[in-house]
Amino acid sequence: MNHRWVAALGAALVAPVVCPDSTVAQVTDSGPAAATCWNPAPLPDCRLSVLSEVGGYVRLGGNSHSAYAATADWGVLWNRGERHAFGATVSVWVPDDAIIGPSFRYRHWFGGSTALDLAVGAAVWGNGPQAGSLFGLARLNLMSWLALGVRAQHLRFNCGGPSCRDPGRVFVGAEVGGKVGRWLSIGFPALGLLWLLGDD
């Protein structure tokens, strides 16, 4: 049953990002009123950016159970000046110890599309991990659609023994965003569907 909820939520999350560009408030022209953008950029180019990001990660010191992770984030980012931006996303981690939850994002623009992101969030659902498990992100955006990232987890499990005290997990990898990430994120509901079929 849990897998069915994951598949349904994935489809609901991706639906807004696969709609035509014209649905993004038709504010893509430049001028005093900055645009809403699919490819994030600082002011004066973008006031609001739509985030749609997909990543692949390898765990440092991991075992075969959780050596790899795929991530997806959907959300928005508001520029507050030419150097600082704040936003929020819905974050998903799969396949092992899958979690879903909101995260809060800060971005510091260095110039052009180069930027540093810092984020922290908490799970509201987990396939094994409990709600309240924590996760975080630090990533360097090399361009509007490509970034190198470090992600961390501190998971909580409900089994009542010392083996449930997760010491923390660290992953390194790369992410794609912008319009590239938007289309790649279509694969997440497909992954949920395959997971659902494999569970039957």
Protein backbone atom coordinates (compact mmCIF):
# COMPACT_ATOMS: atom_id res chain seq x y z
CA MET A 1 0.00 0.00 0.00
CA ASN A 2 2.82 2.40 0.83
CA HIS A 3 4.26 1.89 -2.63
CA ARG A 4 0.95 2.93 -4.16
CA TRP A 5 1.05 6.19 -2.22
CA VAL A 6 4.59 6.84 -3.46
CA ALA A 7 3.56 6.29 -7.07
CA ALA A 8 0.54 8.56 -6.72
CA LEU A 9 2.52 11.31 -5.01
CA GLY A 10 5.23 11.16 -7.67
CA ALA A 11 2.66 11.63 -10.41
CA ALA A 12 1.09 14.56 -8.58
CA LEU A 13 4.43 16.26 -8.08
CA VAL A 14 5.53 15.91 -11.66
CA ALA A 15 2.27 17.01 -13.25
CA PRO A 16 3.02 20.75 -12.83
CA VAL A 17 6.49 20.49 -14.30
CA VAL A 18 5.50 18.72 -17.50
CA CYS A 19 2.95 21.34 -18.52
CA PRO A 20 3.76 23.84 -21.28
CA ASP A 21 6.00 26.84 -20.60
CA SER A 22 3.05 29.17 -21.15
CA THR A 23 1.64 28.12 -17.78
CA VAL A 24 4.51 29.80 -15.94
CA ALA A 25 2.57 33.01 -15.44
CA GLN A 26 3.62 34.38 -18.84
CA VAL A 27 6.31 36.48 -17.17
CA THR A 28 9.29 35.52 -19.27
CA ASP A 29 10.01 38.98 -20.67
CA SER A 30 12.72 41.19 -19.23
CA GLY A 31 12.20 44.57 -17.69
CA PRO A 32 11.42 46.11 -14.30
CA ALA A 33 9.15 43.18 -13.39
CA ALA A 34 11.61 40.29 -13.37
CA ALA A 35 10.57 36.99 -14.90
CA THR A 36 9.55 33.65 -13.50
CA CYS A 37 12.14 31.25 -14.93
CA TRP A 38 12.58 27.52 -15.54
CA ASN A 39 16.37 28.02 -15.72
CA PRO A 40 17.21 29.81 -12.44
CA ALA A 41 19.17 33.06 -12.62
CA PRO A 42 19.73 36.02 -10.28
CA LEU A 43 18.11 39.42 -10.50
CA PRO A 44 17.44 41.28 -12.69
CA ASP A 45 16.76 38.27 -14.96
CA CYS A 46 14.56 36.26 -12.58
CA ARG A 47 12.46 37.16 -9.59
CA LEU A 48 11.06 33.66 -9.06
CA SER A 49 12.61 30.38 -10.27
CA VAL A 50 10.81 27.06 -10.63
CA LEU A 51 13.05 24.24 -9.37
CA SER A 52 12.88 20.78 -10.91
CA GLU A 53 16.05 18.85 -10.08
CA VAL A 54 17.13 15.22 -10.39
CA GLY A 55 20.32 13.76 -8.95
CA GLY A 56 22.37 10.57 -8.76
CA TYR A 57 24.50 9.90 -5.68
CA VAL A 58 27.01 7.39 -4.28
CA ARG A 59 27.28 6.86 -0.53
CA LEU A 60 30.66 7.35 1.10
CA GLY A 61 31.41 4.19 3.07
CA GLY A 62 28.03 2.68 2.24
CA ASN A 63 27.02 -0.96 2.04
CA SER A 64 25.19 -2.79 -0.71
CA HIS A 65 21.81 -1.95 0.86
CA SER A 66 22.15 1.82 0.52
CA ALA A 67 25.22 2.41 -1.63
CA TYR A 68 23.35 4.54 -4.17
CA ALA A 69 20.55 7.08 -4.13
CA ALA A 70 18.45 8.95 -6.65
CA THR A 71 16.93 12.26 -5.60
CA ALA A 72 14.38 14.69 -6.93
CA ASP A 73 13.37 18.16 -5.76
CA TRP A 74 10.44 20.26 -6.92
CA GLY A 75 9.88 23.77 -5.61
CA VAL A 76 10.44 27.49 -6.00
CA LEU A 77 13.20 29.97 -5.26
CA TRP A 78 12.74 33.70 -4.68
CA ASN A 79 15.59 36.13 -5.36
CA ARG A 80 16.00 38.71 -2.62
CA GLY A 81 18.59 40.99 -4.15
CA GLU A 82 21.30 40.09 -6.63
CA ARG A 83 23.20 37.69 -4.32
CA HIS A 84 20.65 35.94 -2.13
CA ALA A 85 17.67 33.68 -2.78
CA PHE A 86 15.37 31.69 -0.50
CA GLY A 87 12.92 28.92 -1.29
CA ALA A 88 11.34 25.59 -0.47
CA THR A 89 11.10 22.22 -2.18
CA VAL A 90 9.53 18.80 -1.84
CA SER A 91 12.40 16.30 -1.74
CA VAL A 92 12.33 12.60 -2.59
CA TRP A 93 15.04 9.98 -1.98
CA VAL A 94 14.89 6.47 -3.49
CA PRO A 95 15.25 3.50 -3.70
CA ASP A 96 16.54 2.12 -0.34
CA ASP A 97 15.18 3.71 2.85
CA ALA A 98 13.06 6.00 0.69
CA ILE A 99 11.89 9.27 2.24
CA ILE A 100 9.72 12.21 1.19
CA GLY A 101 9.62 15.59 2.90
CA PRO A 102 9.86 19.37 2.61
CA SER A 103 13.15 21.23 2.68
CA PHE A 104 14.15 24.86 2.93
CA ARG A 105 16.72 26.20 0.46
CA TYR A 106 19.18 29.11 0.53
CA ARG A 107 21.16 30.11 -2.57
CA HIS A 108 24.09 32.49 -2.81
CA TRP A 109 24.75 33.75 -6.33
CA PHE A 110 28.41 34.26 -7.23
CA GLY A 111 27.66 35.71 -10.65
CA GLY A 112 25.91 34.48 -13.76
CA SER A 113 24.40 31.07 -13.06
CA THR A 114 27.16 29.97 -10.65
CA ALA A 115 25.83 29.61 -7.10
CA LEU A 116 26.05 27.74 -3.81
CA ASP A 117 22.95 26.00 -2.40
CA LEU A 118 22.38 24.97 1.21
CA ALA A 119 19.24 23.11 2.27
CA VAL A 120 17.83 21.24 5.26
CA GLY A 121 14.64 19.21 5.53
CA ALA A 122 12.70 16.57 7.45
CA ALA A 123 10.87 13.49 6.23
CA VAL A 124 7.09 13.28 6.53
CA TRP A 125 7.02 9.71 5.18
CA GLY A 126 9.57 6.92 5.01
CA ASN A 127 9.75 3.36 3.73
CA GLY A 128 11.60 2.19 6.82
CA PRO A 129 12.84 5.52 8.23
CA GLN A 130 10.44 7.34 10.54
CA ALA A 131 8.87 10.72 9.95
CA GLY A 132 11.17 13.36 11.38
CA SER A 133 14.32 11.87 9.87
CA LEU A 134 16.60 14.70 8.79
CA PHE A 135 18.39 15.36 5.51
CA GLY A 136 20.51 18.14 4.07
CA LEU A 137 22.18 19.36 0.90
CA ALA A 138 25.20 21.44 -0.10
CA ARG A 139 25.79 21.87 -3.82
CA LEU A 140 27.73 23.99 -6.26
CA ASN A 141 25.72 25.08 -9.29
CA LEU A 142 28.16 25.16 -12.19
CA MET A 143 25.50 26.42 -14.59
CA SER A 144 21.73 26.79 -14.65
CA TRP A 145 21.16 23.06 -15.27
CA LEU A 146 24.22 21.26 -13.78
CA ALA A 147 25.50 20.99 -10.19
CA LEU A 148 27.83 18.93 -7.99
CA GLY A 149 26.36 18.04 -4.63
CA VAL A 150 26.88 16.53 -1.19
CA ARG A 151 23.81 15.18 0.62
CA ALA A 152 23.50 13.88 4.16
CA GLN A 153 20.88 11.90 6.08
CA HIS A 154 20.25 11.23 9.75
CA LEU A 155 17.53 8.58 9.75
CA ARG A 156 15.35 7.39 12.60
CA PHE A 157 14.11 3.79 12.74
CA ASN A 158 11.48 2.30 15.02
CA CYS A 159 13.03 -0.98 16.13
CA GLY A 160 14.05 -0.12 19.69
CA GLY A 161 17.66 -1.33 19.65
CA PRO A 162 21.16 0.13 19.28
CA SER A 163 21.25 -1.04 15.66
CA CYS A 164 18.58 1.59 14.89
CA ARG A 165 20.80 4.51 15.82
CA ASP A 166 21.85 5.68 12.38
CA PRO A 167 25.18 7.53 12.72
CA GLY A 168 24.51 9.55 9.57
CA ARG A 169 25.02 8.94 5.88
CA VAL A 170 26.89 11.10 3.38
CA PHE A 171 26.45 10.92 -0.40
CA VAL A 172 28.30 12.67 -3.22
CA GLY A 173 27.03 13.08 -6.76
CA ALA A 174 25.71 15.34 -9.48
CA GLU A 175 22.34 16.90 -10.28
CA VAL A 176 20.62 18.37 -13.29
CA GLY A 177 18.00 21.10 -13.13
CA GLY A 178 16.30 23.70 -15.27
CA LYS A 179 14.47 22.40 -18.32
CA VAL A 180 16.77 19.35 -18.41
CA GLY A 181 15.78 18.36 -14.88
CA ARG A 182 12.16 19.10 -15.66
CA TRP A 183 12.00 16.44 -18.35
CA LEU A 184 14.18 13.91 -16.51
CA SER A 185 11.86 14.17 -13.51
CA ILE A 186 9.22 12.42 -15.61
CA GLY A 187 11.15 9.24 -14.77
CA PHE A 188 10.28 9.45 -11.08
CA PRO A 189 6.62 8.46 -11.40
CA ALA A 190 7.77 5.76 -13.85
CA LEU A 191 10.13 4.50 -11.14
CA GLY A 192 7.23 4.50 -8.66
CA LEU A 193 5.11 2.50 -11.12
CA LEU A 194 7.85 -0.10 -11.61
CA TRP A 195 8.27 -0.34 -7.85
CA LEU A 196 4.51 -0.84 -7.50
CA LEU A 197 4.44 -3.59 -10.14
CA GLY A 198 7.45 -5.28 -8.61
CA ASP A 199 5.70 -5.41 -5.24
CA ASP A 200 2.65 -7.26 -6.56
